[in-house]
């Protein structure tokens, strides 16, 4: 047994061994591996030793190490982060589509916690939280010095508990408080309906474990509801913050012929250099598609939009997307914590990197939010390029278990008030009319 007098020194010595091992492992193939790395580790352990010995109160070593890791990853890019055991567990639950909280995707812009997009049918969405909103306080805690993970932890919680967000928005004279009640967030990945006879609508809210399967079922249901045939499809990826890369690939390949490249990635390690092409399987008929995107469309949704656009399989409509062109790898750690690390950039089939740029629509259509006077209201757009340390561009239930009502366009109030969907539907109908005109002319 180690005497308490020497225990602190033993921990520091052990930490040095671990850090040296990490540096040796990650740099053993590089001739540049030299004294600089070891000097930096020595500096770190010196500071840790001073804090442990001289700080006004006794501090927990794990807390210090966690804080150091958080700071290290925060200096890299907005998407790399450390997840303590509880947060890592919640992240794994989130990819399955169920978690407790408010229902917003957040990031850091100019040092301010900012909403990327609210998730549909959640407390935040119903309360009127919008993309671009700045979250200044969570309850009585100012967010200025909070990491994203700390902010997420404060906003998540047990169903029925209350939390108040202090929001600043363009047009506000002063911050406004939004009292919210936490709920079980059951993100329904795929929703669908018929817009008008022969014209389908599919909304993907987030790319989860079953998104591709749910999409396949939704398209089958739409075809059955429209006499076995679709004349056109609106694929709505607006405010879709992304999710699982493999699901973006599986969604894309339902519309692309076998062998068509969907996305490829480039990184420093061999494992980060991958190419994904459409495989064999059930393919959708070659009906026209309009993909809707906006500033809240990020990551996996941009992969789908970019692939369909590059292969001329769909017309992309809306406004410039978010521009998150990087891939994060989740690495489980020994104490049940996790590391979310940016390991690669992804490129569309034509070689475009959308990092900090986004997907440019073929047809730009702003979302018109009409006030009672009929005037257009502006909204704030947050994109990847606005985030600190961003990379610069270098080169509830499955849909069929509880099916959506399938209202026609003429009676669907939500569609009537959505200018972008109406424009997409008009384009699809015009496409069909133009084909008939061309056949008659020939």
Protein backbone atom coordinates (compact mmCIF):
# COMPACT_ATOMS: atom_id res chain seq x y z
CA UNK A 1 0.00 0.00 0.00
CA UNK A 2 1.27 3.49 -0.91
CA UNK A 3 1.73 6.02 1.90
CA UNK A 4 -0.53 9.10 1.58
CA UNK A 5 2.53 11.38 1.65
CA UNK A 6 3.76 9.95 -1.63
CA UNK A 7 0.40 9.25 -3.26
CA UNK A 8 0.18 12.60 -5.07
CA UNK A 9 3.68 12.22 -6.51
CA UNK A 10 2.84 8.69 -7.66
CA UNK A 11 -0.29 9.91 -9.48
CA UNK A 12 1.69 12.63 -11.25
CA UNK A 13 4.45 10.19 -12.18
CA UNK A 14 1.88 7.76 -13.53
CA UNK A 15 0.24 10.56 -15.52
CA UNK A 16 3.59 11.48 -17.07
CA UNK A 17 4.10 7.86 -18.12
CA UNK A 18 0.63 7.76 -19.70
CA UNK A 19 1.12 11.04 -21.55
CA UNK A 20 4.57 10.05 -22.78
CA UNK A 21 3.13 6.75 -24.00
CA UNK A 22 0.38 8.59 -25.89
CA UNK A 23 2.83 10.96 -27.54
CA UNK A 24 5.22 8.11 -28.37
CA UNK A 25 2.37 6.08 -29.91
CA UNK A 26 0.97 8.93 -31.99
CA UNK A 27 4.33 10.23 -33.18
CA UNK A 28 6.46 7.08 -33.53
CA UNK A 29 6.12 7.17 -37.33
CA UNK A 30 7.24 10.80 -37.56
CA UNK A 31 10.85 11.96 -37.70
CA UNK A 32 9.66 15.23 -36.17
CA UNK A 33 8.84 13.52 -32.88
CA UNK A 34 11.24 15.23 -30.52
CA UNK A 35 11.75 17.33 -27.42
CA UNK A 36 8.91 19.79 -28.03
CA UNK A 37 6.22 17.23 -27.20
CA UNK A 38 7.97 16.10 -24.06
CA UNK A 39 8.64 19.68 -22.94
CA UNK A 40 4.94 20.45 -23.33
CA UNK A 41 4.01 17.40 -21.26
CA UNK A 42 6.52 18.48 -18.60
CA UNK A 43 4.93 21.95 -18.55
CA UNK A 44 1.49 20.40 -18.09
CA UNK A 45 2.57 18.15 -15.23
CA UNK A 46 4.41 21.07 -13.57
CA UNK A 47 1.22 23.13 -13.56
CA UNK A 48 -0.82 20.17 -12.34
CA UNK A 49 1.64 19.60 -9.50
CA UNK A 50 1.55 23.27 -8.48
CA UNK A 51 -2.26 23.32 -8.49
CA UNK A 52 -2.46 20.11 -6.47
CA UNK A 53 0.06 21.42 -3.92
CA UNK A 54 -0.72 25.12 -3.61
CA UNK A 55 -4.32 25.84 -4.71
CA UNK A 56 -6.35 27.42 -1.90
CA UNK A 57 -8.57 24.33 -1.65
CA UNK A 58 -7.91 20.66 -2.25
CA UNK A 59 -8.94 19.71 -5.79
CA UNK A 60 -9.91 16.41 -7.37
CA UNK A 61 -7.32 15.15 -9.85
CA UNK A 62 -9.94 13.72 -12.24
CA UNK A 63 -11.73 17.08 -12.29
CA UNK A 64 -8.48 18.78 -13.27
CA UNK A 65 -7.74 16.20 -15.98
CA UNK A 66 -11.28 16.49 -17.38
CA UNK A 67 -10.92 20.27 -17.44
CA UNK A 68 -7.57 20.03 -19.23
CA UNK A 69 -9.01 17.65 -21.83
CA UNK A 70 -11.99 19.95 -22.41
CA UNK A 71 -9.69 22.91 -22.94
CA UNK A 72 -7.43 20.95 -25.30
CA UNK A 73 -10.33 19.85 -27.51
CA UNK A 74 -12.01 23.27 -27.45
CA UNK A 75 -8.86 24.72 -29.05
CA UNK A 76 -9.23 22.42 -32.09
CA UNK A 77 -12.63 23.05 -33.71
CA UNK A 78 -16.28 23.53 -32.72
CA UNK A 79 -17.17 19.84 -33.09
CA UNK A 80 -14.44 18.04 -31.16
CA UNK A 81 -15.37 17.55 -27.52
CA UNK A 82 -14.92 15.41 -24.44
CA UNK A 83 -17.94 13.60 -23.02
CA UNK A 84 -17.89 12.58 -19.35
CA UNK A 85 -19.54 9.21 -18.66
CA UNK A 86 -23.04 10.63 -18.15
CA UNK A 87 -22.87 12.78 -21.30
CA UNK A 88 -21.44 9.92 -23.36
CA UNK A 89 -24.29 7.68 -22.24
CA UNK A 90 -26.83 10.36 -23.25
CA UNK A 91 -25.17 10.75 -26.64
CA UNK A 92 -25.62 7.05 -27.38
CA UNK A 93 -29.27 7.31 -26.37
CA UNK A 94 -29.74 10.39 -28.58
CA UNK A 95 -28.68 8.56 -31.75
CA UNK A 96 -31.54 6.13 -31.06
CA UNK A 97 -33.95 9.08 -31.12
CA UNK A 98 -35.08 9.34 -27.48
CA UNK A 99 -33.70 11.59 -24.73
CA UNK A 100 -34.91 14.02 -22.08
CA UNK A 101 -34.58 17.74 -22.65
CA UNK A 102 -35.76 20.72 -24.68
CA UNK A 103 -35.05 19.79 -28.30
CA UNK A 104 -32.49 22.24 -29.70
CA UNK A 105 -29.18 21.87 -31.52
CA UNK A 106 -26.61 24.40 -30.28
CA UNK A 107 -23.11 25.64 -31.04
CA UNK A 108 -20.79 28.51 -30.14
CA UNK A 109 -20.74 31.66 -32.31
CA UNK A 110 -18.46 34.56 -31.36
CA UNK A 111 -18.22 33.13 -27.87
CA UNK A 112 -22.02 33.05 -27.46
CA UNK A 113 -24.15 29.93 -27.12
CA UNK A 114 -26.31 29.98 -30.24
CA UNK A 115 -29.15 27.84 -31.59
CA UNK A 116 -28.40 26.02 -34.86
CA UNK A 117 -31.95 24.75 -35.13
CA UNK A 118 -34.87 23.66 -32.96
CA UNK A 119 -36.04 20.07 -33.39
CA UNK A 120 -39.62 19.72 -34.57
CA UNK A 121 -42.38 18.84 -32.11
CA UNK A 122 -40.28 19.58 -29.01
CA UNK A 123 -40.71 22.08 -26.14
CA UNK A 124 -38.20 24.50 -27.68
CA UNK A 125 -39.86 24.33 -31.11
CA UNK A 126 -43.34 24.86 -29.70
CA UNK A 127 -42.14 27.78 -27.55
CA UNK A 128 -40.86 29.61 -30.64
CA UNK A 129 -37.09 29.15 -30.25
CA UNK A 130 -35.48 29.88 -33.63
CA UNK A 131 -32.24 29.27 -35.50
CA UNK A 132 -29.80 32.05 -34.66
CA UNK A 133 -31.22 32.72 -31.19
CA UNK A 134 -28.52 33.55 -28.65
CA UNK A 135 -28.89 31.78 -25.30
CA UNK A 136 -27.52 34.20 -22.70
CA UNK A 137 -28.68 32.38 -19.58
CA UNK A 138 -29.93 28.92 -18.60
CA UNK A 139 -32.01 29.54 -15.49
CA UNK A 140 -29.74 31.85 -13.44
CA UNK A 141 -26.48 30.63 -14.99
CA UNK A 142 -24.85 32.85 -17.63
CA UNK A 143 -23.64 30.82 -20.61
CA UNK A 144 -20.63 32.95 -21.54
CA UNK A 145 -18.08 30.59 -20.02
CA UNK A 146 -20.00 27.35 -20.50
CA UNK A 147 -18.82 24.67 -22.91
CA UNK A 148 -21.40 23.15 -25.23
CA UNK A 149 -21.42 19.95 -23.18
CA UNK A 150 -21.99 21.88 -19.95
CA UNK A 151 -24.84 23.80 -21.59
CA UNK A 152 -26.40 20.59 -22.90
CA UNK A 153 -26.17 19.04 -19.44
CA UNK A 154 -28.00 22.02 -17.91
CA UNK A 155 -30.78 21.93 -20.50
CA UNK A 156 -31.40 18.20 -20.36
CA UNK A 157 -33.23 16.64 -17.47
CA UNK A 158 -36.22 14.73 -16.22
CA UNK A 159 -39.53 15.05 -18.00
CA UNK A 160 -41.78 17.64 -16.37
CA UNK A 161 -39.01 19.71 -14.79
CA UNK A 162 -38.75 23.38 -15.68
CA UNK A 163 -35.95 25.46 -17.14
CA UNK A 164 -35.87 29.08 -18.35
CA UNK A 165 -33.76 30.25 -21.28
CA UNK A 166 -32.86 33.92 -21.62
CA UNK A 167 -32.83 34.58 -25.37
CA UNK A 168 -31.49 37.49 -27.42
CA UNK A 169 -32.69 37.68 -31.00
CA UNK A 170 -32.35 40.12 -33.85
CA UNK A 171 -35.21 42.58 -33.38
CA UNK A 172 -35.33 42.18 -29.58
CA UNK A 173 -34.63 45.35 -27.55
CA UNK A 174 -33.54 43.22 -24.61
CA UNK A 175 -33.26 39.51 -23.79
CA UNK A 176 -36.55 37.66 -23.45
CA UNK A 177 -37.16 34.78 -21.08
CA UNK A 178 -38.62 31.55 -22.48
CA UNK A 179 -39.94 29.29 -19.69
CA UNK A 180 -39.86 25.67 -20.87
CA UNK A 181 -40.87 22.30 -19.46
CA UNK A 182 -38.57 19.40 -20.28
CA UNK A 183 -40.04 16.44 -22.08
CA UNK A 184 -38.93 13.10 -23.47
CA UNK A 185 -37.61 14.11 -26.87
CA UNK A 186 -38.70 11.43 -29.28
CA UNK A 187 -37.35 12.67 -32.55
CA UNK A 188 -39.42 11.13 -35.28
CA UNK A 189 -36.80 10.89 -37.97
CA UNK A 190 -39.13 10.55 -40.99
CA UNK A 191 -42.53 12.12 -41.60
CA UNK A 192 -44.48 12.00 -44.84
CA UNK A 193 -47.70 12.96 -46.57
CA UNK A 194 -49.25 13.55 -49.95
CA UNK A 195 -49.11 17.17 -51.10
CA UNK A 196 -51.38 16.72 -54.08
CA UNK A 197 -52.43 13.70 -56.11
CA UNK A 198 -49.26 11.97 -57.29
CA UNK A 199 -46.89 14.28 -55.40
CA UNK A 200 -45.28 13.11 -52.17
CA UNK A 201 -43.55 14.91 -49.32
CA UNK A 202 -40.96 13.40 -46.98
CA UNK A 203 -39.38 15.27 -44.10
CA UNK A 204 -36.18 13.94 -42.49
CA UNK A 205 -35.68 15.67 -39.13
CA UNK A 206 -32.46 13.91 -38.11
CA UNK A 207 -30.34 10.97 -39.30
CA UNK A 208 -30.75 8.22 -36.69
CA UNK A 209 -30.19 4.48 -36.60
CA UNK A 210 -33.40 3.62 -38.50
CA UNK A 211 -33.75 6.64 -40.78
CA UNK A 212 -33.06 4.82 -44.05
CA UNK A 213 -35.48 2.00 -43.18
CA UNK A 214 -38.15 4.50 -42.15
CA UNK A 215 -37.65 6.41 -45.41
CA UNK A 216 -38.11 3.23 -47.44
CA UNK A 217 -41.37 2.48 -45.62
CA UNK A 218 -42.56 6.06 -46.06
CA UNK A 219 -41.94 5.99 -49.82
CA UNK A 220 -43.79 2.67 -50.12
CA UNK A 221 -46.75 4.15 -48.24
CA UNK A 222 -46.77 7.23 -50.45
CA UNK A 223 -46.78 5.13 -53.61
CA UNK A 224 -49.63 2.97 -52.29
CA UNK A 225 -51.62 6.10 -51.42
CA UNK A 226 -51.09 7.46 -54.94
CA UNK A 227 -52.17 4.50 -57.06
CA UNK A 228 -48.73 2.93 -57.02
CA UNK A 229 -46.92 5.83 -58.64
CA UNK A 230 -45.37 9.16 -57.71
CA UNK A 231 -45.03 11.97 -60.24
CA UNK A 232 -42.61 13.80 -57.98
CA UNK A 233 -41.21 14.06 -54.46
CA UNK A 234 -40.29 16.93 -52.13
CA UNK A 235 -37.48 15.78 -49.81
CA UNK A 236 -37.37 18.27 -46.93
CA UNK A 237 -33.98 18.50 -45.16
CA UNK A 238 -34.50 21.96 -43.67
CA UNK A 239 -33.28 22.36 -40.08
CA UNK A 240 -31.91 18.81 -40.19
CA UNK A 241 -28.71 19.04 -38.10
CA UNK A 242 -27.35 15.74 -39.44
CA UNK A 243 -26.50 12.61 -37.52
CA UNK A 244 -25.13 9.25 -38.62
CA UNK A 245 -22.97 9.15 -41.75
CA UNK A 246 -24.01 5.61 -42.72
CA UNK A 247 -27.67 6.66 -42.71
CA UNK A 248 -26.93 9.59 -45.04
CA UNK A 249 -25.30 7.08 -47.41
CA UNK A 250 -28.23 4.63 -47.18
CA UNK A 251 -30.77 7.41 -47.78
CA UNK A 252 -28.87 8.65 -50.84
CA UNK A 253 -28.48 5.22 -52.42
CA UNK A 254 -32.24 4.71 -52.52
CA UNK A 255 -32.31 7.37 -55.25
CA UNK A 256 -28.99 6.64 -57.03
CA UNK A 257 -28.03 3.85 -59.42
CA UNK A 258 -25.61 1.19 -58.26
CA UNK A 259 -21.98 2.29 -58.33
CA UNK A 260 -22.70 6.03 -58.11
CA UNK A 261 -20.33 7.75 -55.67
CA UNK A 262 -22.18 9.34 -52.73
CA UNK A 263 -19.44 10.82 -50.56
CA UNK A 264 -15.76 10.34 -49.80
CA UNK A 265 -13.65 11.37 -46.84
CA UNK A 266 -10.03 12.41 -46.43
CA UNK A 267 -8.08 12.45 -43.18
CA UNK A 268 -4.58 11.86 -41.81
CA UNK A 269 -5.13 8.23 -40.90
CA UNK A 270 -5.80 5.47 -43.39
CA UNK A 271 -9.05 4.61 -41.60
CA UNK A 272 -10.29 8.15 -42.28
CA UNK A 273 -9.95 7.79 -46.04
CA UNK A 274 -13.17 6.21 -47.23
CA UNK A 275 -15.39 6.13 -50.30
CA UNK A 276 -19.10 5.35 -50.21
CA UNK A 277 -20.95 4.36 -53.38
CA UNK A 278 -24.52 3.28 -53.98
CA UNK A 279 -24.95 -0.48 -53.59
CA UNK A 280 -27.42 -3.01 -54.93
CA UNK A 281 -30.90 -2.91 -53.51
CA UNK A 282 -34.35 -1.46 -53.95
CA UNK A 283 -34.15 1.76 -55.95
CA UNK A 284 -36.81 4.40 -56.34
CA UNK A 285 -38.24 5.03 -59.82
CA UNK A 286 -36.70 7.94 -61.66
CA UNK A 287 -39.36 10.49 -60.70
CA UNK A 288 -38.25 14.13 -60.26
CA UNK A 289 -37.14 15.25 -56.79
CA UNK A 290 -36.83 18.67 -55.17
CA UNK A 291 -34.60 18.77 -52.07
CA UNK A 292 -35.29 21.63 -49.65
CA UNK A 293 -32.38 22.99 -47.56
CA UNK A 294 -31.72 26.00 -45.35
CA UNK A 295 -29.11 27.35 -42.93
CA UNK A 296 -30.10 24.67 -40.40
CA UNK A 297 -29.30 21.82 -42.83
CA UNK A 298 -25.96 20.41 -41.74
CA UNK A 299 -23.61 17.45 -42.01
CA UNK A 300 -25.51 14.30 -43.06
CA UNK A 301 -28.30 16.33 -44.68
CA UNK A 302 -25.68 18.20 -46.74
CA UNK A 303 -24.18 14.87 -47.84
CA UNK A 304 -27.57 13.77 -49.21
CA UNK A 305 -28.28 17.13 -50.87
CA UNK A 306 -24.78 17.28 -52.38
CA UNK A 307 -24.89 13.72 -53.75
CA UNK A 308 -28.31 14.13 -55.39
CA UNK A 309 -27.30 17.52 -56.77
CA UNK A 310 -23.97 16.34 -58.21
CA UNK A 311 -25.60 13.37 -59.96
CA UNK A 312 -28.38 15.60 -61.35
CA UNK A 313 -30.89 13.41 -59.54
CA UNK A 314 -32.62 16.29 -57.77
CA UNK A 315 -33.05 20.04 -57.89
CA UNK A 316 -31.88 21.64 -54.65
CA UNK A 317 -34.05 24.55 -53.51
CA UNK A 318 -33.96 26.94 -50.55
CA UNK A 319 -31.05 28.89 -49.09
CA UNK A 320 -27.37 28.12 -48.45
CA UNK A 321 -26.89 25.24 -46.01
CA UNK A 322 -24.88 25.30 -42.78
CA UNK A 323 -21.54 24.13 -44.15
CA UNK A 324 -20.36 21.37 -41.81
CA UNK A 325 -18.02 19.36 -43.98
CA UNK A 326 -16.18 17.42 -41.29
CA UNK A 327 -16.56 13.91 -39.89
CA UNK A 328 -16.44 13.15 -36.17
CA UNK A 329 -15.34 9.80 -34.78
CA UNK A 330 -16.65 8.70 -31.38
CA UNK A 331 -13.93 7.03 -29.30
CA UNK A 332 -14.95 5.25 -26.06
CA UNK A 333 -12.49 5.77 -23.19
CA UNK A 334 -11.53 3.58 -20.25
CA UNK A 335 -13.71 5.27 -17.60
CA UNK A 336 -16.89 5.08 -19.76
CA UNK A 337 -16.35 8.62 -20.98
CA UNK A 338 -16.06 9.36 -24.69
CA UNK A 339 -14.13 11.47 -27.15
CA UNK A 340 -15.79 13.13 -30.12
CA UNK A 341 -12.89 13.94 -32.46
CA UNK A 342 -12.88 15.46 -35.92
CA UNK A 343 -10.92 12.96 -38.00
CA UNK A 344 -11.74 13.77 -41.63
CA UNK A 345 -13.27 16.14 -44.13
CA UNK A 346 -15.92 14.87 -46.49
CA UNK A 347 -16.38 15.70 -50.17
CA UNK A 348 -19.35 15.44 -52.49
CA UNK A 349 -19.06 13.16 -55.57
CA UNK A 350 -17.75 16.01 -57.74
CA UNK A 351 -15.00 16.79 -55.23
CA UNK A 352 -16.64 19.74 -53.50
CA UNK A 353 -15.81 20.39 -49.89
CA UNK A 354 -18.71 22.27 -48.35
CA UNK A 355 -16.77 23.06 -45.15
CA UNK A 356 -17.70 26.59 -44.02
CA UNK A 357 -19.43 27.12 -47.39
CA UNK A 358 -22.44 24.87 -47.49
CA UNK A 359 -24.50 23.55 -50.39
CA UNK A 360 -25.60 26.24 -52.81
CA UNK A 361 -29.19 25.67 -53.97
CA UNK A 362 -29.94 25.40 -57.68
CA UNK A 363 -32.90 27.69 -57.05
CA UNK A 364 -32.71 30.18 -54.18
CA UNK A 365 -36.02 30.54 -52.36
CA UNK A 366 -36.12 32.38 -49.05
CA UNK A 367 -38.57 31.17 -46.41
CA UNK A 368 -41.27 33.81 -46.18
CA UNK A 369 -42.62 34.26 -42.68
CA UNK A 370 -45.60 36.54 -43.06
CA UNK A 371 -46.60 38.89 -40.31
CA UNK A 372 -50.18 40.05 -39.98
CA UNK A 373 -49.31 42.98 -42.24
CA UNK A 374 -48.07 40.56 -44.90
CA UNK A 375 -44.49 41.87 -44.67
CA UNK A 376 -41.59 39.46 -44.73
CA UNK A 377 -39.81 38.94 -41.41
CA UNK A 378 -36.04 38.42 -41.51
CA UNK A 379 -34.42 35.56 -39.62
CA UNK A 380 -30.87 35.10 -38.37
CA UNK A 381 -28.75 32.54 -40.19
CA UNK A 382 -25.99 30.70 -38.32
CA UNK A 383 -23.60 28.60 -40.37
CA UNK A 384 -20.39 26.66 -39.87
CA UNK A 385 -18.24 29.59 -41.08
CA UNK A 386 -19.54 31.66 -38.14
CA UNK A 387 -18.22 29.23 -35.52
CA UNK A 388 -14.96 29.75 -33.69
CA UNK A 389 -12.03 27.59 -34.89
CA UNK A 390 -13.98 26.27 -37.90
CA UNK A 391 -11.96 24.64 -40.66
CA UNK A 392 -11.39 26.66 -43.77
CA UNK A 393 -12.36 24.95 -47.00
CA UNK A 394 -9.30 23.29 -48.50
CA UNK A 395 -10.28 21.61 -51.61
CA UNK A 396 -41.55 9.06 -31.22
CA UNK A 397 -42.38 5.72 -33.42
CA UNK A 398 -41.46 4.33 -36.81
CA UNK A 399 -43.50 5.90 -39.57
CA UNK A 400 -45.42 2.77 -40.51
CA UNK A 401 -46.38 1.87 -36.96
CA UNK A 402 -48.31 5.07 -36.64
CA UNK A 403 -48.77 6.41 -40.13
CA UNK A 404 -49.17 10.09 -40.80
CA UNK A 405 -52.44 11.40 -42.12
CA UNK A 406 -52.15 11.97 -45.83
CA UNK A 407 -54.00 15.22 -46.52
CA UNK A 408 -54.14 16.71 -49.98
CA UNK A 409 -52.44 19.99 -50.74
CA UNK A 410 -55.72 21.91 -50.99
CA UNK A 411 -56.68 21.13 -47.39
CA UNK A 412 -53.26 21.15 -45.73
CA UNK A 413 -52.92 24.45 -43.87
CA UNK A 414 -49.29 23.83 -42.96
CA UNK A 415 -48.35 23.46 -46.62
CA UNK A 416 -50.42 26.48 -47.64
CA UNK A 417 -48.36 28.62 -45.25
CA UNK A 418 -44.97 27.21 -46.29
CA UNK A 419 -43.77 29.18 -49.30
CA UNK A 420 -40.78 26.93 -49.99
CA UNK A 421 -42.89 23.76 -50.14
CA UNK A 422 -45.36 25.51 -52.44
CA UNK A 423 -42.53 26.57 -54.76
CA UNK A 424 -41.15 23.01 -54.76
CA UNK A 425 -44.57 21.58 -55.59
CA UNK A 426 -45.06 24.13 -58.37
CA UNK A 427 -41.69 23.15 -59.84
CA UNK A 428 -42.61 19.45 -59.84
CA UNK A 429 -45.98 20.15 -61.47
CA UNK A 430 -44.34 22.42 -64.02
CA UNK A 431 -41.84 19.68 -64.78
CA UNK A 432 -44.67 17.25 -65.54
CA UNK A 433 -46.50 19.81 -67.71
CA UNK A 434 -43.31 20.67 -69.59
CA UNK A 435 -42.70 16.98 -70.41
CA UNK A 436 -46.18 16.73 -71.92
CA UNK A 437 -45.65 19.93 -73.91
CA UNK A 438 -42.32 18.63 -75.28
CA UNK A 439 -43.90 15.30 -76.27
CA UNK A 440 -46.72 17.11 -78.07
CA UNK A 441 -44.29 19.45 -79.81
CA UNK A 442 -42.18 16.58 -81.07
